[in-house]
C-alpha cells in the first residue's frame, strides 16, 4: 500500500512502495531442500508464483503456463541463472477510481538492471533509475538526456505487451 507516499493510497500506483513486495518462501516441515536465506534481484511477477511453487514440489510446470520457475534459485541450484527474466511487466488495467489514485490505465516495466519505465496510453509517464534514485524523486521520462534509455525500455515494454496479447497504446515513436 502506498500509505500516502507520492500522494497515493492503496496498490494502484507503480511506485516501489506498491510494487516491490518480498516473495518469501519458508517451510516448517522437513524438506528435501536445504533452503537457506537467499536474496535474488530477479523481478518476480505474480505469474511466476505458480510455476515456482510447482517447481519446489518437483513438478514441471505445464507448457501452457506463463511465468518463470524460480525454484532453482530458491534451492540454490541456479542462483545466478542468466535465463531469468530481465524485467517484469507492471500494469493497471482498470483504474479503481478511489480517492488519491491514478485515474487512467497504465503499463510499465521494472528491469533487473534497476530501471523503471511506465506509460499512460500514448504518453510516457515515469522513468526512474532505481540504483541512483531508489525513492523515485527524479522522474526522467521527459529528460532528453535519457531519450535512448527510454527508447530501450519502451521497446522492451512493447515486447512484453506483444507476448501477453495486450493492445495498450504505447507512446508514438520516440525521436533518437
Protein backbone atom coordinates (compact mmCIF):
# COMPACT_ATOMS: atom_id res chain seq x y z
CA UNK A 1 0.00 0.00 0.00
CA UNK A 2 1.22 3.49 -0.77
CA UNK A 3 0.03 4.88 2.62
CA UNK A 4 0.15 8.43 1.21
CA UNK A 5 3.64 8.21 -0.28
CA UNK A 6 3.84 10.22 -3.54
CA UNK A 7 0.32 11.43 -2.67
CA UNK A 8 -1.18 7.99 -3.37
CA UNK A 9 -3.00 5.33 -1.36
CA UNK A 10 -3.64 1.60 -1.91
CA UNK A 11 -1.87 -0.54 -4.52
CA UNK A 12 -2.88 1.03 -7.82
CA UNK A 13 0.29 3.05 -8.42
CA UNK A 14 3.59 1.93 -9.96
CA UNK A 15 5.93 3.37 -7.32
CA UNK A 16 8.24 0.99 -5.45
CA UNK A 17 6.21 1.20 -2.24
CA UNK A 18 3.35 -0.51 -4.03
CA UNK A 19 5.09 -2.94 -6.38
CA UNK A 20 8.22 -4.11 -4.58
CA UNK A 21 6.75 -6.80 -2.38
CA UNK A 22 9.07 -9.50 -1.00
CA UNK A 23 8.40 -13.07 -2.11
CA UNK A 24 9.22 -15.19 0.91
CA UNK A 25 9.44 -18.98 0.78
CA UNK A 26 9.58 -20.91 4.03
CA UNK A 27 8.82 -24.35 5.29
CA UNK A 28 8.44 -25.60 8.84
CA UNK A 29 8.42 -29.20 7.71
CA UNK A 30 11.46 -31.32 6.89
CA UNK A 31 12.35 -30.59 3.31
CA UNK A 32 14.31 -32.29 0.60
CA UNK A 33 15.93 -28.90 0.09
CA UNK A 34 18.28 -27.13 2.44
CA UNK A 35 16.66 -23.75 1.90
CA UNK A 36 18.75 -21.01 3.41
CA UNK A 37 18.27 -17.29 3.39
CA UNK A 38 18.83 -16.15 -0.16
CA UNK A 39 18.31 -12.88 -1.90
CA UNK A 40 17.60 -12.71 -5.59
CA UNK A 41 17.35 -9.46 -7.52
CA UNK A 42 15.09 -11.02 -10.13
CA UNK A 43 11.93 -9.03 -10.89
CA UNK A 44 9.46 -11.74 -9.89
CA UNK A 45 5.87 -11.24 -11.00
CA UNK A 46 2.57 -12.78 -9.88
CA UNK A 47 2.58 -15.14 -12.89
CA UNK A 48 5.85 -16.63 -11.61
CA UNK A 49 4.37 -17.87 -8.33
CA UNK A 50 2.55 -20.93 -9.74
CA UNK A 51 5.49 -22.27 -11.81
CA UNK A 52 7.86 -21.65 -8.89
CA UNK A 53 5.57 -23.44 -6.44
CA UNK A 54 5.22 -26.41 -8.79
CA UNK A 55 8.98 -26.46 -9.26
CA UNK A 56 9.52 -26.56 -5.49
CA UNK A 57 7.18 -29.56 -5.38
CA UNK A 58 9.25 -31.30 -8.04
CA UNK A 59 6.53 -30.88 -10.66
CA UNK A 60 7.39 -29.47 -14.06
CA UNK A 61 5.03 -26.60 -14.88
CA UNK A 62 2.75 -27.31 -17.87
CA UNK A 63 3.91 -25.90 -21.22
CA UNK A 64 0.93 -23.53 -21.43
CA UNK A 65 1.60 -21.94 -18.04
CA UNK A 66 3.04 -18.44 -18.21
CA UNK A 67 5.74 -17.29 -15.84
CA UNK A 68 9.23 -18.31 -14.83
CA UNK A 69 10.09 -21.11 -12.41
CA UNK A 70 12.43 -19.59 -9.80
CA UNK A 71 12.62 -22.80 -7.73
CA UNK A 72 16.23 -23.42 -8.79
CA UNK A 73 17.22 -20.02 -7.42
CA UNK A 74 15.39 -20.67 -4.18
CA UNK A 75 17.07 -24.01 -3.52
CA UNK A 76 20.44 -22.81 -4.79
CA UNK A 77 20.58 -24.85 -7.98
CA UNK A 78 20.85 -21.85 -10.30
CA UNK A 79 21.23 -18.73 -8.18
CA UNK A 80 22.70 -16.62 -10.96
CA UNK A 81 20.79 -18.20 -13.81
CA UNK A 82 21.16 -15.95 -16.83
CA UNK A 83 17.89 -17.27 -18.27
CA UNK A 84 15.91 -15.49 -15.56
CA UNK A 85 13.70 -12.69 -16.91
CA UNK A 86 15.38 -9.34 -17.41
CA UNK A 87 12.25 -7.45 -16.40
CA UNK A 88 8.74 -7.71 -15.05
CA UNK A 89 5.59 -6.28 -16.57
CA UNK A 90 3.63 -3.80 -14.44
CA UNK A 91 0.06 -2.84 -15.19
CA UNK A 92 -3.11 -1.23 -14.02
CA UNK A 93 -5.73 -2.40 -16.46
CA UNK A 94 -8.83 -0.87 -14.88
CA UNK A 95 -8.40 2.12 -12.57
CA UNK A 96 -10.19 1.69 -9.25
CA UNK A 97 -11.11 5.41 -9.17
CA UNK A 98 -10.76 5.58 -5.38
CA UNK A 99 -9.57 8.88 -3.99
CA UNK A 100 -5.88 9.70 -4.33
CA UNK A 101 -5.22 7.16 -7.06
CA UNK A 102 -4.28 7.10 -10.72
CA UNK A 103 -7.37 7.65 -12.87
CA UNK A 104 -6.11 6.04 -16.11
CA UNK A 105 -4.80 2.63 -17.17
CA UNK A 106 -1.02 2.33 -17.30
CA UNK A 107 1.64 -0.20 -18.26
CA UNK A 108 5.29 -0.36 -17.33
CA UNK A 109 8.31 -2.48 -16.64
CA UNK A 110 10.91 -2.72 -13.95
CA UNK A 111 14.22 -4.18 -15.06
CA UNK A 112 16.81 -6.29 -13.38
CA UNK A 113 19.42 -3.61 -14.09
CA UNK A 114 17.49 -1.09 -11.97
CA UNK A 115 15.27 0.90 -14.32
CA UNK A 116 11.55 1.54 -14.26
CA UNK A 117 9.51 2.89 -17.16
CA UNK A 118 5.76 3.49 -17.03
CA UNK A 119 3.33 4.84 -19.66
CA UNK A 120 -0.17 6.14 -19.72
CA UNK A 121 -1.95 5.43 -23.01
CA UNK A 122 0.02 7.21 -25.73
CA UNK A 123 2.17 9.10 -23.23
CA UNK A 124 5.36 8.39 -21.27
CA UNK A 125 4.77 8.95 -17.57
CA UNK A 126 7.66 7.77 -15.43
CA UNK A 127 11.29 6.85 -15.89
CA UNK A 128 13.46 6.19 -12.86
CA UNK A 129 16.98 4.92 -12.36
CA UNK A 130 16.30 2.95 -9.18
CA UNK A 131 20.01 2.40 -8.49
CA UNK A 132 20.69 6.13 -8.25
CA UNK A 133 17.21 7.25 -7.16
CA UNK A 134 15.63 4.50 -5.01
CA UNK A 135 12.97 6.87 -3.65
CA UNK A 136 11.86 7.88 -7.16
CA UNK A 137 12.28 11.60 -6.71
CA UNK A 138 13.73 12.48 -10.15
CA UNK A 139 11.36 11.50 -12.97
CA UNK A 140 13.50 11.23 -16.12
CA UNK A 141 10.65 10.39 -18.52
CA UNK A 142 10.80 13.75 -20.29
CA UNK A 143 14.51 14.45 -19.86
CA UNK A 144 16.15 14.49 -23.31
CA UNK A 145 19.42 13.15 -21.87
CA UNK A 146 17.60 9.84 -21.21
CA UNK A 147 15.88 9.51 -24.60
CA UNK A 148 17.92 6.42 -25.61
CA UNK A 149 17.21 4.74 -22.28
CA UNK A 150 13.51 5.49 -22.63
CA UNK A 151 13.57 4.02 -26.16
CA UNK A 152 15.27 0.83 -24.88
CA UNK A 153 12.74 0.43 -22.10
CA UNK A 154 9.76 1.21 -24.32
CA UNK A 155 10.96 -1.40 -26.83
CA UNK A 156 11.14 -3.98 -24.02
CA UNK A 157 7.71 -2.94 -22.77
CA UNK A 158 6.35 -3.33 -26.32
CA UNK A 159 7.79 -6.85 -26.37
CA UNK A 160 6.03 -7.69 -23.09
CA UNK A 161 2.74 -6.33 -24.44
CA UNK A 162 3.12 -8.36 -27.63
CA UNK A 163 3.90 -11.54 -25.65
CA UNK A 164 0.81 -11.07 -23.48
CA UNK A 165 -1.57 -10.01 -26.26
CA UNK A 166 -2.09 -6.57 -24.72
CA UNK A 167 -3.18 -3.85 -27.18
CA UNK A 168 -2.35 -0.95 -24.84
CA UNK A 169 -1.33 2.12 -26.89
CA UNK A 170 2.29 2.98 -26.17
CA UNK A 171 3.64 6.47 -26.90
CA UNK A 172 4.37 7.22 -30.55
CA UNK A 173 7.89 6.56 -31.80
CA UNK A 174 10.46 8.44 -29.81
CA UNK A 175 12.93 10.52 -31.77
CA UNK A 176 16.52 9.42 -31.37
